[in-house]
Amino acid sequence: MIVPNELKEYAKAHQAENHAFCFYLKEHATKEQLDEQFFHYHKKYFEQYDCSQCLNCCKELSPIFEGRELETLAKASGFDVEDILNVCEQVSYDSYQVMDEEPCPFLTEEGCCIPKKKPECCKDFPYTNQENRMESLFGMFSLLPICPVLYEIYEQLKKDYGFTYEK
């Protein structure tokens, strides 16, 4: 298992290989097969990793949430709605808000201050349990230095497909 605080360095050292693997999957996997594999490995690796011990996503990314989640986030965090909106950027599609702050303002020394009321984007991260993974391979590639579960899934898929990388 990959140690979360070593992941960024490890991912950087294997960046070219992982990029090549995304292209390889586009040619060698079917959409349905890849979704099935991602679902399977999502379950497997999330049983092994404790996200609350990692928090790389909270440290490295800004949360995105729907406008309807704003009141719930405010109540759960103790922030005023205005405080939250002051660190947000309005995104035009579907009234999403993007927090313009890293690390996540809901992250404390003890971890997430709203663990039971997290925005959907946090609950779903790294999106490996969703369909259409073929279409998001390169988007997920950018998250490899952040999420050890995602990294483990890519490594397992390399084995499954017999992928070898030559410089």
N, C-alpha and C. Protein backbone atom coordinates (compact mmCIF):
# COMPACT_ATOMS: atom_id res chain seq x y z
N MET A 1 0.85 -1.19 0.00
CA MET A 1 0.00 0.00 0.00
C MET A 1 0.88 1.24 0.00
N ILE A 2 0.43 2.22 -0.72
CA ILE A 2 1.17 3.47 -0.84
C ILE A 2 0.89 4.34 0.38
N VAL A 3 1.95 4.93 0.92
CA VAL A 3 1.83 5.84 2.05
C VAL A 3 1.37 7.20 1.51
N PRO A 4 0.25 7.74 2.02
CA PRO A 4 -0.30 8.97 1.45
C PRO A 4 0.68 10.14 1.36
N ASN A 5 1.54 10.34 2.36
CA ASN A 5 2.43 11.49 2.29
C ASN A 5 3.61 11.28 1.33
N GLU A 6 3.77 10.07 0.79
CA GLU A 6 4.81 9.80 -0.20
C GLU A 6 4.24 9.75 -1.62
N LEU A 7 2.94 9.84 -1.73
CA LEU A 7 2.26 9.65 -3.00
C LEU A 7 2.65 10.68 -4.05
N LYS A 8 2.73 11.93 -3.68
CA LYS A 8 3.02 12.99 -4.66
C LYS A 8 4.36 12.74 -5.34
N GLU A 9 5.36 12.40 -4.57
CA GLU A 9 6.69 12.13 -5.12
C GLU A 9 6.67 10.89 -6.01
N TYR A 10 5.99 9.86 -5.55
CA TYR A 10 5.91 8.62 -6.31
C TYR A 10 5.16 8.84 -7.63
N ALA A 11 4.07 9.56 -7.58
CA ALA A 11 3.29 9.84 -8.79
C ALA A 11 4.10 10.66 -9.79
N LYS A 12 4.85 11.61 -9.28
CA LYS A 12 5.67 12.43 -10.17
C LYS A 12 6.72 11.57 -10.88
N ALA A 13 7.33 10.64 -10.15
CA ALA A 13 8.34 9.77 -10.74
C ALA A 13 7.76 8.84 -11.80
N HIS A 14 6.46 8.55 -11.72
CA HIS A 14 5.81 7.63 -12.66
C HIS A 14 4.80 8.34 -13.58
N GLN A 15 4.92 9.65 -13.67
CA GLN A 15 3.96 10.44 -14.43
C GLN A 15 3.89 10.02 -15.90
N ALA A 16 5.01 9.87 -16.55
CA ALA A 16 5.02 9.51 -17.98
C ALA A 16 4.40 8.12 -18.17
N GLU A 17 4.74 7.19 -17.29
CA GLU A 17 4.18 5.84 -17.38
C GLU A 17 2.67 5.87 -17.22
N ASN A 18 2.18 6.61 -16.23
CA ASN A 18 0.74 6.67 -15.99
C ASN A 18 0.00 7.38 -17.12
N HIS A 19 0.64 8.36 -17.70
CA HIS A 19 0.04 9.06 -18.85
C HIS A 19 -0.08 8.10 -20.03
N ALA A 20 0.99 7.35 -20.27
CA ALA A 20 0.98 6.36 -21.36
C ALA A 20 -0.09 5.30 -21.10
N PHE A 21 -0.28 4.95 -19.82
CA PHE A 21 -1.28 3.94 -19.49
C PHE A 21 -2.70 4.42 -19.80
N CYS A 22 -2.96 5.70 -19.63
CA CYS A 22 -4.29 6.23 -19.99
C CYS A 22 -4.55 6.02 -21.48
N PHE A 23 -3.56 6.30 -22.31
CA PHE A 23 -3.70 6.06 -23.75
C PHE A 23 -3.88 4.58 -24.04
N TYR A 24 -3.13 3.76 -23.33
CA TYR A 24 -3.21 2.31 -23.50
C TYR A 24 -4.63 1.81 -23.20
N LEU A 25 -5.19 2.28 -22.09
CA LEU A 25 -6.56 1.86 -21.73
C LEU A 25 -7.57 2.26 -22.80
N LYS A 26 -7.40 3.43 -23.36
CA LYS A 26 -8.33 3.89 -24.41
C LYS A 26 -8.36 2.91 -25.58
N GLU A 27 -7.24 2.25 -25.82
CA GLU A 27 -7.14 1.32 -26.94
C GLU A 27 -7.46 -0.13 -26.56
N HIS A 28 -7.30 -0.50 -25.30
CA HIS A 28 -7.38 -1.91 -24.91
C HIS A 28 -8.55 -2.26 -23.99
N ALA A 29 -9.25 -1.30 -23.49
CA ALA A 29 -10.37 -1.59 -22.58
C ALA A 29 -11.68 -1.19 -23.24
N THR A 30 -12.74 -1.82 -22.82
CA THR A 30 -14.07 -1.36 -23.24
C THR A 30 -14.63 -0.51 -22.12
N LYS A 31 -15.54 0.33 -22.48
CA LYS A 31 -16.17 1.21 -21.49
C LYS A 31 -16.80 0.41 -20.36
N GLU A 32 -17.55 -0.60 -20.70
CA GLU A 32 -18.26 -1.41 -19.71
C GLU A 32 -17.28 -2.17 -18.81
N GLN A 33 -16.28 -2.76 -19.44
CA GLN A 33 -15.28 -3.52 -18.68
C GLN A 33 -14.55 -2.61 -17.70
N LEU A 34 -14.15 -1.44 -18.16
CA LEU A 34 -13.41 -0.51 -17.31
C LEU A 34 -14.27 -0.03 -16.14
N ASP A 35 -15.53 0.29 -16.40
CA ASP A 35 -16.43 0.70 -15.31
C ASP A 35 -16.54 -0.41 -14.27
N GLU A 36 -16.69 -1.63 -14.73
CA GLU A 36 -16.80 -2.78 -13.83
C GLU A 36 -15.54 -2.92 -12.97
N GLN A 37 -14.39 -2.76 -13.60
CA GLN A 37 -13.13 -2.87 -12.87
C GLN A 37 -12.99 -1.74 -11.86
N PHE A 38 -13.33 -0.53 -12.26
CA PHE A 38 -13.24 0.59 -11.33
C PHE A 38 -14.18 0.37 -10.14
N PHE A 39 -15.40 -0.07 -10.37
CA PHE A 39 -16.34 -0.34 -9.27
C PHE A 39 -15.75 -1.37 -8.31
N HIS A 40 -15.22 -2.45 -8.88
CA HIS A 40 -14.66 -3.54 -8.07
C HIS A 40 -13.49 -3.04 -7.22
N TYR A 41 -12.54 -2.36 -7.85
CA TYR A 41 -11.35 -1.90 -7.13
C TYR A 41 -11.66 -0.74 -6.18
N HIS A 42 -12.64 0.05 -6.50
CA HIS A 42 -13.08 1.10 -5.58
C HIS A 42 -13.47 0.47 -4.25
N LYS A 43 -14.30 -0.53 -4.33
CA LYS A 43 -14.75 -1.22 -3.12
C LYS A 43 -13.58 -1.86 -2.38
N LYS A 44 -12.74 -2.55 -3.11
CA LYS A 44 -11.60 -3.24 -2.51
C LYS A 44 -10.66 -2.29 -1.78
N TYR A 45 -10.25 -1.23 -2.45
CA TYR A 45 -9.24 -0.36 -1.85
C TYR A 45 -9.81 0.59 -0.81
N PHE A 46 -11.06 0.97 -0.92
CA PHE A 46 -11.62 1.80 0.14
C PHE A 46 -11.87 1.00 1.42
N GLU A 47 -11.89 -0.31 1.33
CA GLU A 47 -11.94 -1.14 2.54
C GLU A 47 -10.58 -1.17 3.23
N GLN A 48 -9.52 -0.92 2.48
CA GLN A 48 -8.16 -0.98 3.03
C GLN A 48 -7.65 0.37 3.53
N TYR A 49 -8.10 1.44 2.93
CA TYR A 49 -7.61 2.77 3.29
C TYR A 49 -8.61 3.50 4.18
N ASP A 50 -8.07 4.26 5.11
CA ASP A 50 -8.88 5.13 5.97
C ASP A 50 -8.63 6.56 5.51
N CYS A 51 -9.60 7.11 4.80
CA CYS A 51 -9.44 8.46 4.24
C CYS A 51 -9.14 9.51 5.32
N SER A 52 -9.67 9.31 6.51
CA SER A 52 -9.45 10.30 7.57
C SER A 52 -7.99 10.34 8.01
N GLN A 53 -7.20 9.33 7.64
CA GLN A 53 -5.78 9.31 7.97
C GLN A 53 -4.93 9.94 6.86
N CYS A 54 -5.53 10.21 5.73
CA CYS A 54 -4.82 10.76 4.57
C CYS A 54 -5.12 12.25 4.42
N LEU A 55 -6.33 12.54 4.02
CA LEU A 55 -6.83 13.91 3.82
C LEU A 55 -6.10 14.70 2.74
N ASN A 56 -5.37 14.00 1.85
CA ASN A 56 -4.68 14.70 0.77
C ASN A 56 -5.65 15.52 -0.07
N CYS A 57 -6.83 14.98 -0.33
CA CYS A 57 -7.80 15.71 -1.15
C CYS A 57 -8.21 17.02 -0.46
N CYS A 58 -8.35 16.99 0.85
CA CYS A 58 -8.74 18.19 1.60
C CYS A 58 -7.61 19.21 1.63
N LYS A 59 -6.40 18.73 1.61
CA LYS A 59 -5.23 19.60 1.66
C LYS A 59 -4.90 20.21 0.30
N GLU A 60 -5.24 19.49 -0.77
CA GLU A 60 -4.81 19.87 -2.11
C GLU A 60 -5.89 20.45 -3.02
N LEU A 61 -7.15 20.20 -2.70
CA LEU A 61 -8.24 20.61 -3.59
C LEU A 61 -9.22 21.52 -2.88
N SER A 62 -9.92 22.29 -3.66
CA SER A 62 -10.99 23.12 -3.14
C SER A 62 -12.32 22.41 -3.37
N PRO A 63 -13.17 22.36 -2.36
CA PRO A 63 -14.44 21.67 -2.57
C PRO A 63 -15.36 22.43 -3.52
N ILE A 64 -16.17 21.67 -4.20
CA ILE A 64 -17.21 22.21 -5.08
C ILE A 64 -18.53 21.71 -4.52
N PHE A 65 -19.48 22.59 -4.40
CA PHE A 65 -20.77 22.14 -3.88
C PHE A 65 -21.90 22.85 -4.59
N GLU A 66 -23.03 22.22 -4.55
CA GLU A 66 -24.22 22.81 -5.16
C GLU A 66 -24.79 23.86 -4.22
N GLY A 67 -25.44 24.84 -4.80
CA GLY A 67 -26.03 25.90 -4.00
C GLY A 67 -26.96 25.38 -2.91
N ARG A 68 -27.67 24.29 -3.21
CA ARG A 68 -28.60 23.74 -2.22
C ARG A 68 -27.89 23.18 -0.99
N GLU A 69 -26.59 22.92 -1.09
CA GLU A 69 -25.83 22.39 0.04
C GLU A 69 -25.33 23.47 0.99
N LEU A 70 -25.43 24.72 0.58
CA LEU A 70 -24.87 25.84 1.32
C LEU A 70 -25.39 25.94 2.76
N GLU A 71 -26.69 25.90 2.93
CA GLU A 71 -27.28 26.00 4.28
C GLU A 71 -26.81 24.86 5.17
N THR A 72 -26.79 23.65 4.64
CA THR A 72 -26.36 22.48 5.40
C THR A 72 -24.90 22.63 5.82
N LEU A 73 -24.05 23.08 4.90
CA LEU A 73 -22.64 23.27 5.21
C LEU A 73 -22.45 24.33 6.29
N ALA A 74 -23.20 25.40 6.19
CA ALA A 74 -23.10 26.47 7.17
C ALA A 74 -23.50 25.97 8.56
N LYS A 75 -24.62 25.29 8.64
CA LYS A 75 -25.07 24.77 9.94
C LYS A 75 -24.09 23.77 10.52
N ALA A 76 -23.59 22.87 9.69
CA ALA A 76 -22.70 21.81 10.17
C ALA A 76 -21.33 22.35 10.59
N SER A 77 -20.85 23.39 9.92
CA SER A 77 -19.50 23.89 10.17
C SER A 77 -19.44 25.00 11.20
N GLY A 78 -20.57 25.65 11.45
CA GLY A 78 -20.55 26.80 12.35
C GLY A 78 -20.20 28.10 11.66
N PHE A 79 -19.94 28.03 10.36
CA PHE A 79 -19.70 29.24 9.58
C PHE A 79 -21.03 29.86 9.20
N ASP A 80 -21.02 31.16 8.99
CA ASP A 80 -22.20 31.82 8.42
C ASP A 80 -22.21 31.56 6.92
N VAL A 81 -23.39 31.60 6.32
CA VAL A 81 -23.51 31.44 4.88
C VAL A 81 -22.62 32.47 4.18
N GLU A 82 -22.62 33.71 4.69
CA GLU A 82 -21.80 34.77 4.08
C GLU A 82 -20.31 34.45 4.17
N ASP A 83 -19.87 33.85 5.28
CA ASP A 83 -18.46 33.47 5.43
C ASP A 83 -18.07 32.46 4.35
N ILE A 84 -18.95 31.52 4.11
CA ILE A 84 -18.67 30.50 3.09
C ILE A 84 -18.65 31.14 1.70
N LEU A 85 -19.62 31.97 1.43
CA LEU A 85 -19.69 32.61 0.11
C LEU A 85 -18.50 33.53 -0.14
N ASN A 86 -17.91 34.08 0.92
CA ASN A 86 -16.75 34.96 0.75
C ASN A 86 -15.52 34.22 0.23
N VAL A 87 -15.46 32.92 0.40
CA VAL A 87 -14.34 32.14 -0.12
C VAL A 87 -14.77 31.26 -1.29
N CYS A 88 -15.85 31.66 -1.93
CA CYS A 88 -16.37 30.88 -3.06
C CYS A 88 -16.36 31.69 -4.33
N GLU A 89 -16.30 30.97 -5.41
CA GLU A 89 -16.42 31.54 -6.73
C GLU A 89 -17.66 30.91 -7.36
N GLN A 90 -18.56 31.70 -7.84
CA GLN A 90 -19.78 31.17 -8.47
C GLN A 90 -19.41 30.58 -9.82
N VAL A 91 -19.87 29.38 -10.05
CA VAL A 91 -19.67 28.74 -11.33
C VAL A 91 -21.03 28.71 -12.01
N SER A 92 -21.07 29.06 -13.27
CA SER A 92 -22.34 29.27 -13.93
C SER A 92 -23.18 28.02 -14.14
N TYR A 93 -22.57 26.85 -14.24
CA TYR A 93 -23.36 25.66 -14.52
C TYR A 93 -24.01 25.11 -13.25
N ASP A 94 -25.31 24.91 -13.31
CA ASP A 94 -26.09 24.29 -12.24
C ASP A 94 -25.88 24.91 -10.86
N SER A 95 -25.59 26.18 -10.80
CA SER A 95 -25.39 26.92 -9.54
C SER A 95 -24.41 26.24 -8.59
N TYR A 96 -23.31 25.78 -9.12
CA TYR A 96 -22.26 25.21 -8.28
C TYR A 96 -21.41 26.33 -7.71
N GLN A 97 -20.87 26.08 -6.54
CA GLN A 97 -19.95 27.01 -5.90
C GLN A 97 -18.60 26.31 -5.79
N VAL A 98 -17.53 27.02 -6.03
CA VAL A 98 -16.20 26.47 -5.86
C VAL A 98 -15.51 27.29 -4.78
N MET A 99 -15.06 26.62 -3.76
CA MET A 99 -14.33 27.33 -2.72
C MET A 99 -12.98 27.72 -3.29
N ASP A 100 -12.65 28.96 -3.14
CA ASP A 100 -11.41 29.50 -3.69
C ASP A 100 -10.35 29.52 -2.59
N GLU A 101 -10.17 28.38 -1.96
CA GLU A 101 -9.27 28.30 -0.83
C GLU A 101 -8.72 26.89 -0.70
N GLU A 102 -7.42 26.79 -0.50
CA GLU A 102 -6.78 25.50 -0.24
C GLU A 102 -5.87 25.71 0.96
N PRO A 103 -5.81 24.84 1.90
CA PRO A 103 -6.62 23.64 2.00
C PRO A 103 -8.09 23.99 2.23
N CYS A 104 -8.91 22.99 2.20
CA CYS A 104 -10.34 23.18 2.40
C CYS A 104 -10.57 23.90 3.73
N PRO A 105 -11.41 24.92 3.74
CA PRO A 105 -11.67 25.65 4.98
C PRO A 105 -12.39 24.81 6.05
N PHE A 106 -12.93 23.67 5.67
CA PHE A 106 -13.58 22.79 6.64
C PHE A 106 -12.59 21.81 7.28
N LEU A 107 -11.33 21.87 6.85
CA LEU A 107 -10.30 20.99 7.38
C LEU A 107 -9.69 21.62 8.63
N THR A 108 -9.69 20.88 9.72
CA THR A 108 -9.08 21.33 10.97
C THR A 108 -7.94 20.37 11.30
N GLU A 109 -7.24 20.63 12.38
CA GLU A 109 -6.16 19.72 12.80
C GLU A 109 -6.71 18.35 13.15
N GLU A 110 -7.96 18.28 13.54
CA GLU A 110 -8.60 17.00 13.88
C GLU A 110 -9.20 16.31 12.65
N GLY A 111 -9.20 16.96 11.53
CA GLY A 111 -9.79 16.41 10.31
C GLY A 111 -10.93 17.29 9.84
N CYS A 112 -11.85 16.71 9.10
CA CYS A 112 -12.99 17.45 8.57
C CYS A 112 -13.93 17.84 9.71
N CYS A 113 -14.32 19.11 9.72
CA CYS A 113 -15.23 19.56 10.78
C CYS A 113 -16.69 19.29 10.45
N ILE A 114 -16.95 18.75 9.26
CA ILE A 114 -18.33 18.43 8.85
C ILE A 114 -18.42 17.01 8.30
N PRO A 115 -17.87 16.02 8.99
CA PRO A 115 -17.78 14.68 8.40
C PRO A 115 -19.11 14.06 7.99
N LYS A 116 -20.17 14.35 8.68
CA LYS A 116 -21.47 13.75 8.34
C LYS A 116 -22.27 14.60 7.36
N LYS A 117 -21.80 15.79 7.04
CA LYS A 117 -22.51 16.70 6.15
C LYS A 117 -21.64 17.19 5.00
N LYS A 118 -20.67 16.38 4.62
CA LYS A 118 -19.77 16.77 3.54
C LYS A 118 -20.54 17.03 2.25
N PRO A 119 -20.02 17.94 1.42
CA PRO A 119 -20.61 18.13 0.09
C PRO A 119 -20.49 16.83 -0.72
N GLU A 120 -21.37 16.68 -1.68
CA GLU A 120 -21.36 15.47 -2.52
C GLU A 120 -19.99 15.24 -3.17
N CYS A 121 -19.33 16.32 -3.59
CA CYS A 121 -18.03 16.15 -4.25
C CYS A 121 -17.02 15.48 -3.32
N CYS A 122 -17.11 15.76 -2.04
CA CYS A 122 -16.20 15.15 -1.07
C CYS A 122 -16.57 13.69 -0.82
N LYS A 123 -17.85 13.43 -0.71
CA LYS A 123 -18.30 12.05 -0.49
C LYS A 123 -17.94 11.15 -1.67
N ASP A 124 -18.00 11.69 -2.87
CA ASP A 124 -17.79 10.90 -4.09
C ASP A 124 -16.32 10.78 -4.52
N PHE A 125 -15.47 11.65 -4.00
CA PHE A 125 -14.07 11.67 -4.42
C PHE A 125 -13.42 10.32 -4.18
N PRO A 126 -12.67 9.78 -5.09
CA PRO A 126 -12.15 10.27 -6.37
C PRO A 126 -12.99 9.83 -7.57
N TYR A 127 -14.25 9.58 -7.35
CA TYR A 127 -15.22 9.30 -8.42
C TYR A 127 -14.99 7.96 -9.12
N THR A 128 -14.32 7.05 -8.46
CA THR A 128 -14.02 5.75 -9.05
C THR A 128 -15.18 4.78 -8.96
N ASN A 129 -16.25 5.18 -8.30
CA ASN A 129 -17.43 4.31 -8.21
C ASN A 129 -18.56 4.82 -9.11
N GLN A 130 -18.20 5.59 -10.11
CA GLN A 130 -19.17 6.13 -11.04
C GLN A 130 -18.93 5.57 -12.44
N GLU A 131 -19.94 5.66 -13.26
CA GLU A 131 -19.82 5.17 -14.63
C GLU A 131 -19.02 6.13 -15.49
N ASN A 132 -18.71 5.66 -16.69
CA ASN A 132 -18.03 6.45 -17.72
C ASN A 132 -16.60 6.82 -17.34
N ARG A 133 -15.91 5.90 -16.73
CA ARG A 133 -14.51 6.14 -16.35
C ARG A 133 -13.62 6.28 -17.57
N MET A 134 -13.99 5.66 -18.67
CA MET A 134 -13.20 5.78 -19.90
C MET A 134 -13.09 7.25 -20.31
N GLU A 135 -14.18 7.98 -20.16
CA GLU A 135 -14.20 9.39 -20.57
C GLU A 135 -13.43 10.28 -19.61
N SER A 136 -13.13 9.79 -18.41
CA SER A 136 -12.48 10.64 -17.42
C SER A 136 -11.07 10.16 -17.06
N LEU A 137 -10.49 9.30 -17.86
CA LEU A 137 -9.17 8.77 -17.54
C LEU A 137 -8.12 9.86 -17.34
N PHE A 138 -8.13 10.85 -18.22
CA PHE A 138 -7.11 11.90 -18.11
C PHE A 138 -7.43 12.87 -16.98
N GLY A 139 -8.69 13.06 -16.67
CA GLY A 139 -9.05 13.87 -15.51
C GLY A 139 -8.62 13.19 -14.22
N MET A 140 -8.83 11.89 -14.15
CA MET A 140 -8.41 11.15 -12.97
C MET A 140 -6.88 11.09 -12.90
N PHE A 141 -6.22 11.06 -14.03
CA PHE A 141 -4.75 11.06 -14.08
C PHE A 141 -4.20 12.23 -13.28
N SER A 142 -4.85 13.38 -13.37
CA SER A 142 -4.38 14.56 -12.64
C SER A 142 -4.56 14.41 -11.13
N LEU A 143 -5.39 13.46 -10.71
CA LEU A 143 -5.63 13.24 -9.28
C LEU A 143 -4.73 12.15 -8.69
N LEU A 144 -3.95 11.47 -9.51
CA LEU A 144 -3.09 10.40 -9.03
C LEU A 144 -2.12 10.84 -7.93
N PRO A 145 -1.56 12.06 -7.97
CA PRO A 145 -0.66 12.48 -6.90
C PRO A 145 -1.38 12.78 -5.58
N ILE A 146 -2.70 12.77 -5.61
CA ILE A 146 -3.48 13.16 -4.43
C ILE A 146 -4.10 11.97 -3.72
N CYS A 147 -4.67 11.03 -4.46
CA CYS A 147 -5.46 9.96 -3.85
C CYS A 147 -4.77 8.60 -3.94
N PRO A 148 -4.39 8.03 -2.79
CA PRO A 148 -3.75 6.72 -2.82
C PRO A 148 -4.66 5.62 -3.33
N VAL A 149 -5.95 5.71 -3.09
CA VAL A 149 -6.88 4.70 -3.59
C VAL A 149 -6.89 4.72 -5.11
N LEU A 150 -6.98 5.88 -5.69
CA LEU A 150 -6.97 6.00 -7.14
C LEU A 150 -5.65 5.47 -7.70
N TYR A 151 -4.56 5.78 -7.04
CA TYR A 151 -3.26 5.30 -7.49
C TYR A 151 -3.20 3.78 -7.46
N GLU A 152 -3.71 3.21 -6.38
CA GLU A 152 -3.73 1.74 -6.26
C GLU A 152 -4.58 1.11 -7.38
N ILE A 153 -5.69 1.75 -7.71
CA ILE A 153 -6.55 1.24 -8.78
C ILE A 153 -5.79 1.25 -10.11
N TYR A 154 -5.11 2.36 -10.41
CA TYR A 154 -4.35 2.41 -11.65
C TYR A 154 -3.27 1.34 -11.68
N GLU A 155 -2.59 1.14 -10.56
CA GLU A 155 -1.54 0.12 -10.50
C GLU A 155 -2.12 -1.28 -10.71
N GLN A 156 -3.27 -1.53 -10.13
CA GLN A 156 -3.92 -2.83 -10.30
C GLN A 156 -4.37 -3.03 -11.74
N LEU A 157 -4.89 -1.99 -12.34
CA LEU A 157 -5.32 -2.08 -13.74
C LEU A 157 -4.14 -2.35 -14.66
N LYS A 158 -2.98 -1.78 -14.36
CA LYS A 158 -1.78 -2.07 -15.16
C LYS A 158 -1.49 -3.56 -15.15
N LYS A 159 -1.61 -4.16 -13.98
CA LYS A 159 -1.37 -5.61 -13.87
C LYS A 159 -2.43 -6.39 -14.63
N ASP A 160 -3.70 -5.99 -14.46
CA ASP A 160 -4.79 -6.68 -15.13
C ASP A 160 -4.63 -6.68 -16.66
N TYR A 161 -4.15 -5.56 -17.20
CA TYR A 161 -4.02 -5.44 -18.64
C TYR A 161 -2.64 -5.84 -19.16
N GLY A 162 -1.76 -6.25 -18.26
CA GLY A 162 -0.41 -6.63 -18.67
C GLY A 162 0.38 -5.47 -19.26
N PHE A 163 0.11 -4.28 -18.76
CA PHE A 163 0.77 -3.07 -19.29
C PHE A 163 2.22 -3.01 -18.85
N THR A 164 3.08 -2.79 -19.82
CA THR A 164 4.50 -2.53 -19.51
C THR A 164 4.88 -1.22 -20.17
N TYR A 165 5.72 -0.50 -19.48
CA TYR A 165 6.12 0.83 -19.97
C TYR A 165 7.59 0.81 -20.32
N GLU A 166 7.85 1.28 -21.51
CA GLU A 166 9.24 1.42 -21.94
C GLU A 166 9.47 2.88 -22.31
N LYS A 167 10.50 3.44 -21.74
CA LYS A 167 10.83 4.85 -21.99
C LYS A 167 11.33 5.06 -23.39
